[in-house]
Amino acid sequence: MVSGAASVATSLRLPTLGLHDPPMPQQETDTGFTSLPIDELPTLWDGFAKLVRAGLGITGFGVQIMDMPPNHTTKSHDESATGQEELYLALRGSGEIVIGPDEAHLPLDTDHVARVGPGVSRTLVAGADGVRVLCVGGVPGAPYRPPEWTAPDR
């Protein structure tokens, strides 16, 4: 007997998704799922970014985790060149997302989730205890194309 999500896919006769690109050391099964501890994911920038997409073989959207130290501020950026919208969710700690030069301050904590559109400038600011942030992105209505910068440091 199959259990969990695999049983739902089997009972509904849904195809299971295979995991591809790039081959990484992971606990992959032929049932279409993968699980890794966050701290075992490939990284960028001396561990600041955890490459969830690359580490789990996700091909449909971009997803990373950023470990921001206390009071750290990212460079302001937007995604107008890529058309990508992004979702932000704090997994631990807190901070804020500053929109535009100072248009809005969105809470970045475990009780809030935020979406920021492609042409909107954003800066992430960690609180006094730092923040671990899950960032998910994709271009509405378009296939996902991983940016080159998301290749692991390895």
Foldseek 3Di string as FASTA:
>chain_A
DDDDPLVVCVVVVNDADAACADDDPFDDDPRRFTDDDQQPAFAPDVRQKGFPCRRTRPFFWGKIKGWFAAFDKDDKDAQQVPFKKKKKAWPAAWWWKAKDPRPDTHTHHNVDMDIDGRVIIIMTTGHRHTTIMMMIMDHPPDGDDDDPVSDGPD
